[in-house]
Amino acid sequence: MKKFISKCPVCSSKLRIKALECFSCGTRIEGKFEIHPFLELTDEEFNLLYLFLKTRGNLSEVSKILGISYPTTRQRFEDFLKKIGIEPSYSNQEVMETLDLLEKGEITPEEAEKRIRNIR
């Protein structure tokens, strides 16, 4: 089976599904169908989601597997969530600044946890 594409190979615009067909009886339904956001994931985004699920939601483990810093992993995950329509209920900038301070060793893990809990 060929990989599903969600962007036009000529102009890179978003594609839409025009027809659905039953493999069993051949019934065909035509119209304008939206593509689910999960079908529009890049390979990198799909891999991030896969690793997130594989590690049972442990972004620290995901960052170790990917070989990148926790703040970078967290930012990629936040970007992924936005892409699929899930907006954070807190200031992402404040969280990222706190994680950057933690990574630089300027604050302790306990202080970072306290700050993040206060943001959310």
C-alpha atoms as a PDB file:
ATOM      1  CA  MET A   1       0.000   0.000   0.000  1.00  0.00           C
ATOM      2  CA  LYS A   2       1.291   3.472  -0.853  1.00  0.00           C
ATOM      3  CA  LYS A   3       1.856   6.125   1.802  1.00  0.00           C
ATOM      4  CA  PHE A   4      -0.957   8.657   2.212  1.00  0.00           C
ATOM      5  CA  ILE A   5      -0.063  12.174   1.082  1.00  0.00           C
ATOM      6  CA  SER A   6      -1.819  15.305   2.327  1.00  0.00           C
ATOM      7  CA  LYS A   7      -0.046  17.961   0.230  1.00  0.00           C
ATOM      8  CA  CYS A   8      -0.105  18.482  -3.527  1.00  0.00           C
ATOM      9  CA  PRO A   9       3.127  17.219  -5.101  1.00  0.00           C
ATOM     10  CA  VAL A  10       3.008  20.116  -7.606  1.00  0.00           C
ATOM     11  CA  CYS A  11       2.236  23.224  -5.482  1.00  0.00           C
ATOM     12  CA  SER A  12       2.341  21.906  -1.882  1.00  0.00           C
ATOM     13  CA  SER A  13      -1.214  23.045  -1.154  1.00  0.00           C
ATOM     14  CA  LYS A  14      -3.392  20.979   1.172  1.00  0.00           C
ATOM     15  CA  LEU A  15      -5.211  18.108  -0.561  1.00  0.00           C
ATOM     16  CA  ARG A  16      -8.754  17.034   0.248  1.00  0.00           C
ATOM     17  CA  ILE A  17     -10.465  13.705  -0.196  1.00  0.00           C
ATOM     18  CA  LYS A  18     -13.041  13.768  -2.978  1.00  0.00           C
ATOM     19  CA  ALA A  19     -14.330  10.198  -2.968  1.00  0.00           C
ATOM     20  CA  LEU A  20     -14.617   7.179  -0.680  1.00  0.00           C
ATOM     21  CA  GLU A  21     -15.137   3.687  -2.000  1.00  0.00           C
ATOM     22  CA  CYS A  22     -16.060   0.415  -0.295  1.00  0.00           C
ATOM     23  CA  PHE A  23     -13.550  -2.334  -1.082  1.00  0.00           C
ATOM     24  CA  SER A  24     -16.215  -4.996  -0.572  1.00  0.00           C
ATOM     25  CA  CYS A  25     -19.266  -3.862  -2.542  1.00  0.00           C
ATOM     26  CA  GLY A  26     -17.890  -0.961  -4.570  1.00  0.00           C
ATOM     27  CA  THR A  27     -20.233   1.679  -3.154  1.00  0.00           C
ATOM     28  CA  ARG A  28     -18.728   5.085  -3.917  1.00  0.00           C
ATOM     29  CA  ILE A  29     -19.432   8.298  -2.017  1.00  0.00           C
ATOM     30  CA  GLU A  30     -18.294  11.589  -3.530  1.00  0.00           C
ATOM     31  CA  GLY A  31     -18.005  14.952  -1.839  1.00  0.00           C
ATOM     32  CA  LYS A  32     -15.507  17.211  -0.129  1.00  0.00           C
ATOM     33  CA  PHE A  33     -14.043  15.445   2.897  1.00  0.00           C
ATOM     34  CA  GLU A  34     -11.559  17.015   5.306  1.00  0.00           C
ATOM     35  CA  ILE A  35      -8.335  15.191   6.111  1.00  0.00           C
ATOM     36  CA  HIS A  36      -7.842  14.363   9.798  1.00  0.00           C
ATOM     37  CA  PRO A  37      -4.844  16.246  11.276  1.00  0.00           C
ATOM     38  CA  PHE A  38      -3.110  12.952  12.165  1.00  0.00           C
ATOM     39  CA  LEU A  39      -2.936  12.106   8.451  1.00  0.00           C
ATOM     40  CA  GLU A  40      -1.021  15.346   7.855  1.00  0.00           C
ATOM     41  CA  LEU A  41       1.817  14.531  10.235  1.00  0.00           C
ATOM     42  CA  THR A  42       5.354  14.673   8.901  1.00  0.00           C
ATOM     43  CA  ASP A  43       7.559  11.629   9.475  1.00  0.00           C
ATOM     44  CA  GLU A  44       9.311  13.541  12.287  1.00  0.00           C
ATOM     45  CA  GLU A  45       6.001  14.404  13.983  1.00  0.00           C
ATOM     46  CA  PHE A  46       4.729  10.846  13.636  1.00  0.00           C
ATOM     47  CA  ASN A  47       7.976   9.546  15.167  1.00  0.00           C
ATOM     48  CA  LEU A  48       7.637  12.003  18.066  1.00  0.00           C
ATOM     49  CA  LEU A  49       4.073  10.835  18.712  1.00  0.00           C
ATOM     50  CA  TYR A  50       5.123   7.186  18.452  1.00  0.00           C
ATOM     51  CA  LEU A  51       7.975   7.683  20.936  1.00  0.00           C
ATOM     52  CA  PHE A  52       5.694   9.645  23.277  1.00  0.00           C
ATOM     53  CA  LEU A  53       3.234   6.748  23.313  1.00  0.00           C
ATOM     54  CA  LYS A  54       5.998   4.121  23.532  1.00  0.00           C
ATOM     55  CA  THR A  55       7.498   5.829  26.599  1.00  0.00           C
ATOM     56  CA  ARG A  56       4.035   6.229  28.146  1.00  0.00           C
ATOM     57  CA  GLY A  57       4.231  10.041  27.916  1.00  0.00           C
ATOM     58  CA  ASN A  58       7.726  10.443  29.357  1.00  0.00           C
ATOM     59  CA  LEU A  59       9.269  13.339  27.426  1.00  0.00           C
ATOM     60  CA  SER A  60      12.581  12.897  29.269  1.00  0.00           C
ATOM     61  CA  GLU A  61      12.852   9.406  27.777  1.00  0.00           C
ATOM     62  CA  VAL A  62      11.807  10.720  24.360  1.00  0.00           C
ATOM     63  CA  SER A  63      14.585  13.327  24.510  1.00  0.00           C
ATOM     64  CA  LYS A  64      17.147  10.637  25.427  1.00  0.00           C
ATOM     65  CA  ILE A  65      16.041   8.415  22.528  1.00  0.00           C
ATOM     66  CA  LEU A  66      16.176  11.333  20.074  1.00  0.00           C
ATOM     67  CA  GLY A  67      19.480  12.564  21.476  1.00  0.00           C
ATOM     68  CA  ILE A  68      18.220  16.123  21.968  1.00  0.00           C
ATOM     69  CA  SER A  69      17.661  18.296  25.022  1.00  0.00           C
ATOM     70  CA  TYR A  70      14.478  18.112  27.060  1.00  0.00           C
ATOM     71  CA  PRO A  71      13.506  21.743  26.239  1.00  0.00           C
ATOM     72  CA  THR A  72      13.878  21.017  22.508  1.00  0.00           C
ATOM     73  CA  THR A  73      11.766  17.868  22.856  1.00  0.00           C
ATOM     74  CA  ARG A  74       9.169  19.770  24.878  1.00  0.00           C
ATOM     75  CA  GLN A  75       9.014  22.536  22.254  1.00  0.00           C
ATOM     76  CA  ARG A  76       8.611  20.023  19.416  1.00  0.00           C
ATOM     77  CA  PHE A  77       5.816  18.332  21.355  1.00  0.00           C
ATOM     78  CA  GLU A  78       4.102  21.688  22.003  1.00  0.00           C
ATOM     79  CA  ASP A  79       4.368  22.506  18.277  1.00  0.00           C
ATOM     80  CA  PHE A  80       2.901  19.084  17.482  1.00  0.00           C
ATOM     81  CA  LEU A  81      -0.027  19.680  19.859  1.00  0.00           C
ATOM     82  CA  LYS A  82      -0.742  23.061  18.251  1.00  0.00           C
ATOM     83  CA  LYS A  83      -0.696  21.459  14.803  1.00  0.00           C
ATOM     84  CA  ILE A  84      -3.411  18.988  15.793  1.00  0.00           C
ATOM     85  CA  GLY A  85      -5.468  21.731  17.432  1.00  0.00           C
ATOM     86  CA  ILE A  86      -4.569  21.377  21.121  1.00  0.00           C
ATOM     87  CA  GLU A  87      -3.559  24.716  22.602  1.00  0.00           C
ATOM     88  CA  PRO A  88      -1.783  24.850  25.971  1.00  0.00           C
ATOM     89  CA  SER A  89      -3.711  26.352  28.864  1.00  0.00           C
ATOM     90  CA  TYR A  90      -0.589  28.117  30.133  1.00  0.00           C
ATOM     91  CA  SER A  91       2.184  30.348  28.838  1.00  0.00           C
ATOM     92  CA  ASN A  92       4.487  28.137  26.837  1.00  0.00           C
ATOM     93  CA  GLN A  93       7.129  30.868  26.843  1.00  0.00           C
ATOM     94  CA  GLU A  94       7.329  30.873  30.650  1.00  0.00           C
ATOM     95  CA  VAL A  95       7.657  27.097  30.756  1.00  0.00           C
ATOM     96  CA  MET A  96      10.384  27.088  28.111  1.00  0.00           C
ATOM     97  CA  GLU A  97      12.321  29.836  29.922  1.00  0.00           C
ATOM     98  CA  THR A  98      12.138  27.821  33.147  1.00  0.00           C
ATOM     99  CA  LEU A  99      13.323  24.655  31.379  1.00  0.00           C
ATOM    100  CA  ASP A 100      16.190  26.580  29.776  1.00  0.00           C
ATOM    101  CA  LEU A 101      17.282  27.846  33.212  1.00  0.00           C
ATOM    102  CA  LEU A 102      17.131  24.280  34.514  1.00  0.00           C
ATOM    103  CA  GLU A 103      19.178  22.931  31.618  1.00  0.00           C
ATOM    104  CA  LYS A 104      21.833  25.620  32.177  1.00  0.00           C
ATOM    105  CA  GLY A 105      21.976  24.666  35.866  1.00  0.00           C
ATOM    106  CA  GLU A 106      20.832  28.112  36.982  1.00  0.00           C
ATOM    107  CA  ILE A 107      17.940  26.663  38.997  1.00  0.00           C
ATOM    108  CA  THR A 108      17.367  23.345  40.746  1.00  0.00           C
ATOM    109  CA  PRO A 109      14.859  20.743  39.544  1.00  0.00           C
ATOM    110  CA  GLU A 110      12.774  21.545  42.626  1.00  0.00           C
ATOM    111  CA  GLU A 111      12.722  25.255  41.763  1.00  0.00           C
ATOM    112  CA  ALA A 112      11.816  24.469  38.139  1.00  0.00           C
ATOM    113  CA  GLU A 113       8.964  22.237  39.271  1.00  0.00           C
ATOM    114  CA  LYS A 114       7.675  24.947  41.623  1.00  0.00           C
ATOM    115  CA  ARG A 115       7.798  27.592  38.888  1.00  0.00           C
ATOM    116  CA  ILE A 116       6.047  25.388  36.330  1.00  0.00           C
ATOM    117  CA  ARG A 117       3.320  24.397  38.798  1.00  0.00           C
ATOM    118  CA  ASN A 118       2.697  28.103  39.466  1.00  0.00           C
ATOM    119  CA  ILE A 119       2.444  28.837  35.730  1.00  0.00           C
ATOM    120  CA  ARG A 120      -0.140  26.140  35.119  1.00  0.00           C
END
